[in-house]
Amino acid sequence: MAVQKSRKTPSRRGMRRSHDGLSGPTLSEESTTGEIHRRHHVSAEGFYRGRQVVEVAPEIDEEDLEETQG
C-alpha cells in the first residue's frame, strides 16, 4: 500500500483545491430586448445576437384551453 513520504502542507492542499470551486453560468444581456440569457444560447424570446431566429408561439392559458375543448 502506498504511503506518502511527508505530510502535505496547508498551502499545497489549498493550491490543489484552487480549481475545485464552482462558478455560475455566464450570462449576457440581449441587445434588442434587454433580456438576460446564457451566453451563446437563444433567449426565451427567440433572439440571438440581435436577430430573431426562432418564432415563439404565444402561450395558451388553461382557461382558453377549456373554452376551446368544451
Protein backbone atom coordinates (compact mmCIF):
# COMPACT_ATOMS: atom_id res chain seq x y z
CA MET A 1 0.00 0.00 0.00
CA ALA A 2 1.35 3.43 -0.92
CA VAL A 3 2.27 5.78 1.89
CA GLN A 4 3.24 9.41 1.43
CA LYS A 5 6.82 10.29 2.25
CA SER A 6 6.00 13.50 4.09
CA ARG A 7 2.94 15.41 5.17
CA LYS A 8 1.41 17.88 2.70
CA THR A 9 1.30 21.48 3.92
CA PRO A 10 -1.92 23.53 4.08
CA SER A 11 -0.51 25.66 1.26
CA ARG A 12 -0.15 22.63 -1.03
CA ARG A 13 -3.64 21.48 -0.07
CA GLY A 14 -5.04 24.91 -0.92
CA MET A 15 -3.21 25.03 -4.25
CA ARG A 16 -4.64 21.63 -5.16
CA ARG A 17 -8.17 22.73 -4.26
CA SER A 18 -7.94 26.07 -6.10
CA HIS A 19 -9.58 24.62 -9.23
CA ASP A 20 -12.43 22.84 -7.40
CA GLY A 21 -14.68 25.87 -6.91
CA LEU A 22 -17.98 26.04 -8.79
CA SER A 23 -18.95 29.07 -10.80
CA GLY A 24 -22.33 30.14 -12.08
CA PRO A 25 -23.29 30.24 -15.76
CA THR A 26 -22.00 33.15 -17.81
CA LEU A 27 -24.89 35.48 -18.61
CA SER A 28 -25.36 38.17 -21.24
CA GLU A 29 -27.92 40.85 -21.94
CA GLU A 30 -29.76 40.67 -25.27
CA SER A 31 -29.15 43.93 -27.12
CA THR A 32 -32.61 44.00 -28.71
CA THR A 33 -34.89 43.09 -25.81
CA GLY A 34 -32.63 43.67 -22.80
CA GLU A 35 -33.34 40.14 -21.60
CA ILE A 36 -30.73 38.20 -19.61
CA HIS A 37 -29.78 34.84 -21.14
CA ARG A 38 -26.91 32.33 -21.20
CA ARG A 39 -24.01 33.12 -23.49
CA HIS A 40 -24.19 31.51 -26.95
CA HIS A 41 -27.81 30.40 -26.39
CA VAL A 42 -31.03 31.71 -27.90
CA SER A 43 -33.05 33.82 -25.43
CA ALA A 44 -36.57 32.87 -24.36
CA GLU A 45 -37.95 35.48 -26.77
CA GLY A 46 -36.21 33.72 -29.70
CA PHE A 47 -33.45 36.31 -30.22
CA TYR A 48 -29.76 35.58 -30.82
CA ARG A 49 -27.19 38.32 -31.41
CA GLY A 50 -29.85 40.95 -32.04
CA ARG A 51 -31.85 38.98 -34.60
CA GLN A 52 -34.97 36.88 -34.11
CA VAL A 53 -34.01 33.36 -35.16
CA VAL A 54 -36.95 31.40 -33.67
CA GLU A 55 -40.64 32.24 -33.87
CA VAL A 56 -42.05 31.85 -30.36
CA ALA A 57 -45.63 30.57 -30.16
CA PRO A 58 -47.99 32.54 -27.88
CA GLU A 59 -48.68 30.98 -24.51
CA ILE A 60 -52.04 29.24 -24.06
CA ASP A 61 -53.82 29.75 -20.73
CA GLU A 62 -55.75 26.90 -19.13
CA GLU A 63 -58.96 28.94 -19.34
CA ASP A 64 -58.57 29.36 -23.11
CA LEU A 65 -57.83 25.66 -23.46
CA GLU A 66 -61.03 24.69 -21.58
CA GLU A 67 -63.15 27.05 -23.70
CA THR A 68 -61.92 25.56 -26.98
CA GLN A 69 -62.40 21.96 -25.82
CA GLY A 70 -65.74 22.16 -24.17
